[in-house]
């Protein structure tokens, strides 16, 4: 950001000028909930002195945790789907009579001027790629909760998102209850499907070839939460990122006991016929599951969000597909 633009951001933050500055607060936390609180992130410590009333989500999924706790952000950041308020149905159901959040875009980087114009008293970017420079600019506007220490960008778990948001809004106990409730449902799946235990599984997308998700991606953690095991050496192949592309000579990494695909819209048939993929055992034995890109399909969006609000859909709709793929019978497919 150029110096003059950054100065304008600061002036907007201080004066409250700009779009949305005079709107009534849309977020509220329980009073008397132990403020101030200090939250550690990869760039420092964030001190939240009192219950925030105007929260801007610059991460891509945090609105779900906020709404699950009865807190409505003044702005969210669009990821995909072009939903009003960047809220998928499971989150919009929690909105009640509150106004839809303003939607920010991250396509060309963080929109600092728009963020400042919203006069936030807290900025949350847990599931994000906030850089050190971004963090400096954001904290000049309001206290900012960036990615946690020790996880790659876009690698934070849904549990940490929920609990950190709960801490930031003064609803830590409620957030912990939500997390434990979902974790109990995962435990029930593992109990009901002991055949999942120890089976190798992987999540992939036909993005610029074959893209696989590593152990630090929330979607991959879904598989391990169900009892599956990720391929040995997976992270050595993709490095320290949430995922990466496979070279042609590493195509056999896809040949796992269960493989979950995210094809582009209309791309399932093309993927099944791919000459590099179609002869792998995972394909010939029908041990693959396809959740095709469809913004109106709750399961597609729910797997991508991996939040306390979207996970019940994943647990209800994805588990039967995984069970069909893992049963060893080519006649039953996911």
Protein backbone atom coordinates (compact mmCIF):
# COMPACT_ATOMS: atom_id res chain seq x y z
CA UNK A 1 0.00 0.00 0.00
CA UNK A 2 1.29 3.47 -0.90
CA UNK A 3 1.99 5.82 2.08
CA UNK A 4 -0.81 8.25 1.18
CA UNK A 5 -3.36 5.44 0.92
CA UNK A 6 -2.23 4.02 4.25
CA UNK A 7 -2.65 7.46 5.84
CA UNK A 8 -6.17 7.59 4.47
CA UNK A 9 -6.87 4.23 6.06
CA UNK A 10 -5.76 5.55 9.43
CA UNK A 11 -7.89 8.66 9.08
CA UNK A 12 -10.93 6.54 8.20
CA UNK A 13 -10.33 4.35 11.23
CA UNK A 14 -10.05 7.37 13.51
CA UNK A 15 -12.95 9.43 12.14
CA UNK A 16 -15.37 6.67 11.18
CA UNK A 17 -15.99 8.22 7.75
CA UNK A 18 -17.08 6.09 4.83
CA UNK A 19 -19.62 3.41 4.02
CA UNK A 20 -21.16 1.66 6.99
CA UNK A 21 -19.62 3.98 9.61
CA UNK A 22 -22.95 5.07 11.06
CA UNK A 23 -24.62 1.66 11.09
CA UNK A 24 -25.78 0.30 14.43
CA UNK A 25 -23.52 -2.36 15.94
CA UNK A 26 -24.43 -5.85 14.73
CA UNK A 27 -22.29 -7.93 17.07
CA UNK A 28 -22.47 -8.31 20.81
CA UNK A 29 -20.78 -10.57 23.38
CA UNK A 30 -21.80 -11.58 26.85
CA UNK A 31 -20.95 -8.82 29.26
CA UNK A 32 -18.76 -9.63 32.24
CA UNK A 33 -17.06 -12.50 30.44
CA UNK A 34 -13.53 -11.97 31.69
CA UNK A 35 -12.24 -9.17 29.51
CA UNK A 36 -9.61 -8.18 28.72
CA UNK A 37 -8.37 -11.31 26.98
CA UNK A 38 -5.05 -11.86 25.21
CA UNK A 39 -4.89 -14.07 22.13
CA UNK A 40 -1.54 -15.11 20.70
CA UNK A 41 -1.09 -15.19 16.93
CA UNK A 42 1.86 -15.74 14.58
CA UNK A 43 2.69 -12.03 14.58
CA UNK A 44 2.21 -11.17 18.25
CA UNK A 45 -0.40 -10.87 20.97
CA UNK A 46 -3.88 -9.47 20.40
CA UNK A 47 -5.52 -7.81 23.40
CA UNK A 48 -9.30 -7.57 23.32
CA UNK A 49 -10.12 -5.07 26.06
CA UNK A 50 -13.91 -5.42 26.05
CA UNK A 51 -16.70 -7.25 24.30
CA UNK A 52 -16.40 -6.38 20.59
CA UNK A 53 -19.43 -4.92 18.85
CA UNK A 54 -18.17 -4.40 15.31
CA UNK A 55 -16.23 -7.42 14.07
CA UNK A 56 -14.82 -7.71 10.56
CA UNK A 57 -13.94 -11.22 9.37
CA UNK A 58 -11.01 -11.11 6.94
CA UNK A 59 -10.60 -14.87 7.22
CA UNK A 60 -12.81 -17.00 5.00
CA UNK A 61 -14.84 -19.10 7.45
CA UNK A 62 -14.92 -17.29 10.79
CA UNK A 63 -18.44 -15.97 10.28
CA UNK A 64 -19.75 -19.48 10.93
CA UNK A 65 -18.18 -19.62 14.39
CA UNK A 66 -19.42 -16.12 15.20
CA UNK A 67 -23.00 -16.86 14.17
CA UNK A 68 -22.95 -20.17 16.02
CA UNK A 69 -22.22 -18.10 19.12
CA UNK A 70 -24.94 -15.56 18.40
CA UNK A 71 -22.55 -12.87 17.14
CA UNK A 72 -23.10 -11.16 13.78
CA UNK A 73 -20.04 -9.61 12.11
CA UNK A 74 -20.41 -6.26 10.35
CA UNK A 75 -18.46 -7.67 7.40
CA UNK A 76 -17.35 -11.01 6.00
CA UNK A 77 -14.88 -11.94 3.26
CA UNK A 78 -16.10 -13.69 0.12
CA UNK A 79 -14.48 -17.03 -0.67
CA UNK A 80 -16.76 -18.68 -3.19
CA UNK A 81 -20.45 -19.11 -3.88
CA UNK A 82 -21.50 -15.45 -4.07
CA UNK A 83 -23.98 -15.91 -1.24
CA UNK A 84 -25.65 -12.84 0.32
CA UNK A 85 -23.49 -11.74 3.23
CA UNK A 86 -21.05 -14.55 2.27
CA UNK A 87 -23.30 -16.77 4.38
CA UNK A 88 -24.15 -20.29 3.26
CA UNK A 89 -27.55 -21.65 4.32
CA UNK A 90 -26.32 -23.27 7.51
CA UNK A 91 -24.96 -19.89 8.66
CA UNK A 92 -27.78 -17.72 7.33
CA UNK A 93 -30.20 -19.75 9.43
CA UNK A 94 -28.45 -18.30 12.50
CA UNK A 95 -28.74 -14.69 11.32
CA UNK A 96 -32.25 -14.16 12.63
CA UNK A 97 -33.53 -10.63 12.09
CA UNK A 98 -30.04 -9.11 11.96
CA UNK A 99 -28.86 -7.32 8.83
CA UNK A 100 -26.62 -9.20 6.42
CA UNK A 101 -22.92 -8.43 6.86
CA UNK A 102 -21.19 -6.34 4.23
CA UNK A 103 -19.15 -8.54 1.90
CA UNK A 104 -15.46 -7.85 1.28
CA UNK A 105 -13.38 -9.35 -1.50
CA UNK A 106 -9.91 -10.82 -1.19
CA UNK A 107 -9.26 -11.31 -4.90
CA UNK A 108 -6.85 -8.38 -5.09
CA UNK A 109 -5.69 -8.50 -1.49
CA UNK A 110 -7.23 -7.12 1.67
CA UNK A 111 -9.45 -4.08 1.20
CA UNK A 112 -7.92 -1.90 3.90
CA UNK A 113 -9.89 1.25 3.10
CA UNK A 114 -13.23 -0.58 3.25
CA UNK A 115 -12.22 -2.36 6.45
CA UNK A 116 -11.31 0.95 8.09
CA UNK A 117 -14.56 2.57 6.93
CA UNK A 118 -16.49 -0.06 8.87
CA UNK A 119 -14.95 1.18 12.15
CA UNK A 120 -14.28 -2.32 13.48
CA UNK A 121 -13.30 -2.87 17.09
CA UNK A 122 -11.97 -6.34 16.21
CA UNK A 123 -10.63 -7.93 13.01
CA UNK A 124 -10.46 -11.73 12.78
CA UNK A 125 -8.35 -13.60 10.22
CA UNK A 126 -7.68 -17.10 11.51
CA UNK A 127 -8.34 -18.99 8.28
CA UNK A 128 -6.36 -16.62 6.12
CA UNK A 129 -3.04 -15.77 4.52
CA UNK A 130 -2.41 -12.49 6.37
CA UNK A 131 1.19 -11.40 5.90
CA UNK A 132 3.32 -9.52 8.43
CA UNK A 133 2.79 -6.33 6.42
CA UNK A 134 -0.97 -6.95 6.27
CA UNK A 135 -1.00 -7.46 10.02
CA UNK A 136 0.75 -4.16 10.63
CA UNK A 137 -1.81 -2.31 8.54
CA UNK A 138 -4.77 -4.12 10.07
CA UNK A 139 -3.65 -3.50 13.64
CA UNK A 140 -3.44 0.20 12.82
CA UNK A 141 -7.19 -0.01 12.27
CA UNK A 142 -8.25 -2.34 15.11
CA UNK A 143 -6.96 -5.24 17.23
CA UNK A 144 -6.44 -8.14 14.84
CA UNK A 145 -6.48 -11.88 15.50
CA UNK A 146 -4.31 -13.40 12.76
CA UNK A 147 -3.38 -17.04 12.08
CA UNK A 148 -2.30 -19.12 15.08
CA UNK A 149 1.33 -19.86 15.77
CA UNK A 150 2.73 -23.00 14.17
CA UNK A 151 0.17 -23.66 11.43
CA UNK A 152 0.45 -22.86 7.70
CA UNK A 153 -1.77 -20.27 6.07
CA UNK A 154 -5.30 -21.66 5.66
CA UNK A 155 -4.37 -24.55 7.92
CA UNK A 156 -6.13 -23.71 11.20
CA UNK A 157 -8.47 -26.37 12.56
CA UNK A 158 -12.20 -25.82 13.01
CA UNK A 159 -11.78 -26.42 16.74
CA UNK A 160 -9.22 -23.63 17.07
CA UNK A 161 -11.36 -21.28 14.98
CA UNK A 162 -14.40 -21.86 17.18
CA UNK A 163 -12.55 -21.65 20.48
CA UNK A 164 -10.50 -18.59 19.48
CA UNK A 165 -13.58 -16.74 18.27
CA UNK A 166 -15.32 -17.73 21.49
CA UNK A 167 -12.48 -16.32 23.54
CA UNK A 168 -12.45 -13.10 21.50
CA UNK A 169 -16.19 -12.45 21.93
CA UNK A 170 -16.45 -13.50 25.56
CA UNK A 171 -18.18 -16.81 24.91
CA UNK A 172 -15.38 -19.29 25.49
CA UNK A 173 -17.51 -21.76 27.44
CA UNK A 174 -20.24 -21.79 24.80
CA UNK A 175 -17.64 -22.32 22.06
CA UNK A 176 -16.10 -25.21 23.97
CA UNK A 177 -19.53 -26.82 24.30
CA UNK A 178 -20.07 -26.52 20.54
CA UNK A 179 -16.70 -28.10 19.80
CA UNK A 180 -17.20 -30.98 22.21
CA UNK A 181 -20.65 -31.65 20.72
CA UNK A 182 -19.24 -31.99 17.20
CA UNK A 183 -16.29 -34.05 18.41
CA UNK A 184 -18.76 -36.43 20.05
CA UNK A 185 -20.46 -36.90 16.70
CA UNK A 186 -17.11 -37.78 15.11
CA UNK A 187 -16.56 -40.31 17.88
CA UNK A 188 -19.93 -41.85 17.09
CA UNK A 189 -18.95 -42.18 13.41
CA UNK A 190 -15.72 -43.94 14.37
CA UNK A 191 -17.67 -46.30 16.60
CA UNK A 192 -20.29 -47.04 13.94
CA UNK A 193 -17.69 -47.45 11.17
CA UNK A 194 -14.73 -49.38 12.58
CA UNK A 195 -13.83 -50.27 8.98
CA UNK A 196 -12.53 -46.71 8.55
CA UNK A 197 -9.80 -47.22 11.13
CA UNK A 198 -6.35 -47.41 9.61
CA UNK A 199 -7.50 -47.28 5.98
CA UNK A 200 -5.41 -44.92 3.89
CA UNK A 201 -7.34 -41.97 2.49
CA UNK A 202 -6.62 -38.76 0.62
CA UNK A 203 -8.43 -35.66 -0.65
CA UNK A 204 -7.62 -34.36 -4.12
CA UNK A 205 -8.78 -31.95 -6.80
CA UNK A 206 -8.09 -31.93 -10.57
CA UNK A 207 -6.70 -28.41 -10.26
CA UNK A 208 -3.89 -27.74 -12.72
CA UNK A 209 -3.31 -31.47 -12.93
CA UNK A 210 -3.72 -33.34 -9.66
CA UNK A 211 -3.77 -31.29 -6.46
CA UNK A 212 -3.68 -33.07 -3.10
CA UNK A 213 -4.41 -31.69 0.35
CA UNK A 214 -1.84 -32.22 3.10
CA UNK A 215 -2.16 -33.10 6.76
CA UNK A 216 -2.41 -29.44 7.78
CA UNK A 217 -5.52 -28.79 5.70
CA UNK A 218 -8.85 -28.85 7.60
CA UNK A 219 -10.41 -31.03 4.90
CA UNK A 220 -7.72 -33.68 5.32
CA UNK A 221 -8.31 -33.60 9.07
CA UNK A 222 -11.88 -34.63 8.38
CA UNK A 223 -10.55 -37.96 7.15
CA UNK A 224 -8.38 -38.54 10.21
CA UNK A 225 -11.26 -37.47 12.47
CA UNK A 226 -13.30 -40.24 10.85
CA UNK A 227 -10.53 -42.74 11.61
CA UNK A 228 -8.72 -42.88 8.26
CA UNK A 229 -4.94 -42.53 7.92
CA UNK A 230 -3.27 -40.12 5.52
CA UNK A 231 -0.57 -41.56 3.20
CA UNK A 232 2.90 -41.78 4.69
CA UNK A 233 5.16 -39.13 3.28
CA UNK A 234 2.30 -36.96 2.03
CA UNK A 235 3.70 -33.76 3.49
CA UNK A 236 7.16 -34.48 2.08
CA UNK A 237 5.60 -34.42 -1.37
CA UNK A 238 3.79 -31.09 -0.97
CA UNK A 239 6.06 -29.27 1.49
CA UNK A 240 4.87 -27.06 4.33
CA UNK A 241 1.72 -25.81 2.55
CA UNK A 242 -1.89 -26.90 2.98
CA UNK A 243 -1.64 -28.70 -0.36
CA UNK A 244 0.23 -28.99 -3.64
CA UNK A 245 0.26 -30.44 -7.13
CA UNK A 246 1.55 -33.90 -7.97
CA UNK A 247 4.01 -34.49 -10.76
CA UNK A 248 3.13 -37.24 -13.23
CA UNK A 249 5.66 -39.63 -11.69
CA UNK A 250 3.94 -39.31 -8.31
CA UNK A 251 0.45 -40.16 -9.60
CA UNK A 252 0.46 -43.41 -7.60
CA UNK A 253 0.00 -41.33 -4.44
CA UNK A 254 -3.65 -41.13 -5.46
CA UNK A 255 -3.97 -44.92 -5.27
CA UNK A 256 -5.27 -45.08 -1.70
CA UNK A 257 -7.95 -47.21 -0.10
CA UNK A 258 -10.34 -44.25 -0.20
CA UNK A 259 -9.99 -41.11 -2.32
CA UNK A 260 -12.25 -38.06 -2.01
CA UNK A 261 -12.35 -35.82 -5.09
CA UNK A 262 -13.49 -32.23 -5.61
CA UNK A 263 -13.92 -32.03 -9.40
CA UNK A 264 -14.84 -28.76 -11.10
CA UNK A 265 -18.42 -28.34 -12.27
CA UNK A 266 -19.16 -30.99 -14.86
CA UNK A 267 -15.66 -32.45 -14.50
CA UNK A 268 -16.36 -35.83 -12.90
CA UNK A 269 -16.70 -37.78 -16.14
CA UNK A 270 -13.52 -36.23 -17.54
CA UNK A 271 -11.62 -37.11 -14.39
CA UNK A 272 -12.82 -40.72 -14.42
CA UNK A 273 -11.60 -41.05 -18.01
CA UNK A 274 -8.22 -39.42 -17.41
CA UNK A 275 -5.54 -41.74 -18.86
CA UNK A 276 -3.27 -41.28 -15.83
CA UNK A 277 -6.03 -41.98 -13.33
CA UNK A 278 -8.50 -44.43 -14.83
CA UNK A 279 -6.27 -47.51 -14.44
CA UNK A 280 -5.38 -46.97 -10.78
CA UNK A 281 -6.97 -49.51 -8.44
CA UNK A 282 -8.75 -46.80 -6.49
CA UNK A 283 -10.69 -46.08 -9.71
CA UNK A 284 -11.14 -49.59 -11.07
CA UNK A 285 -12.34 -50.81 -7.68
CA UNK A 286 -14.61 -47.77 -7.24
CA UNK A 287 -13.03 -46.62 -4.00
CA UNK A 288 -13.28 -42.97 -4.99
CA UNK A 289 -15.90 -40.42 -3.94
CA UNK A 290 -16.79 -37.40 -6.06
CA UNK A 291 -18.24 -34.20 -4.61
CA UNK A 292 -18.48 -32.00 -7.67
CA UNK A 293 -18.29 -28.21 -7.53
CA UNK A 294 -21.83 -26.95 -7.00
CA UNK A 295 -22.47 -23.88 -4.90
CA UNK A 296 -26.07 -24.96 -4.39
CA UNK A 297 -25.06 -28.36 -3.03
CA UNK A 298 -24.84 -28.03 0.75
CA UNK A 299 -22.28 -30.84 0.98
CA UNK A 300 -19.81 -29.19 -1.40
CA UNK A 301 -19.81 -25.95 0.55
CA UNK A 302 -19.89 -27.67 3.93
CA UNK A 303 -16.75 -29.71 3.24
CA UNK A 304 -14.92 -26.58 2.13
CA UNK A 305 -15.93 -24.54 5.18
CA UNK A 306 -15.29 -27.24 7.82
CA UNK A 307 -16.95 -25.20 10.56
CA UNK A 308 -19.07 -25.89 13.63
CA UNK A 309 -22.12 -25.01 11.54
CA UNK A 310 -21.23 -26.89 8.34
CA UNK A 311 -19.89 -30.08 9.92
CA UNK A 312 -23.31 -31.56 10.79
CA UNK A 313 -24.01 -31.63 7.03
CA UNK A 314 -20.67 -33.35 6.41
CA UNK A 315 -21.40 -35.90 9.10
CA UNK A 316 -24.85 -36.66 7.70
CA UNK A 317 -24.10 -36.66 3.98
CA UNK A 318 -20.43 -37.53 3.45
CA UNK A 319 -20.11 -40.48 5.83
CA UNK A 320 -22.43 -42.79 3.81
CA UNK A 321 -20.41 -42.03 0.68
CA UNK A 322 -17.14 -42.82 2.42
CA UNK A 323 -18.64 -46.03 3.81
CA UNK A 324 -19.66 -47.15 0.33
CA UNK A 325 -16.15 -46.47 -0.97
CA UNK A 326 -14.41 -48.18 1.94
CA UNK A 327 -16.42 -51.39 1.96
CA UNK A 328 -14.29 -53.09 -0.70
CA UNK A 329 -17.27 -53.78 -2.97
CA UNK A 330 -16.98 -52.12 -6.43
CA UNK A 331 -20.75 -52.38 -6.81
CA UNK A 332 -21.24 -49.76 -4.10
CA UNK A 333 -19.76 -46.39 -4.96
CA UNK A 334 -19.48 -43.10 -3.17
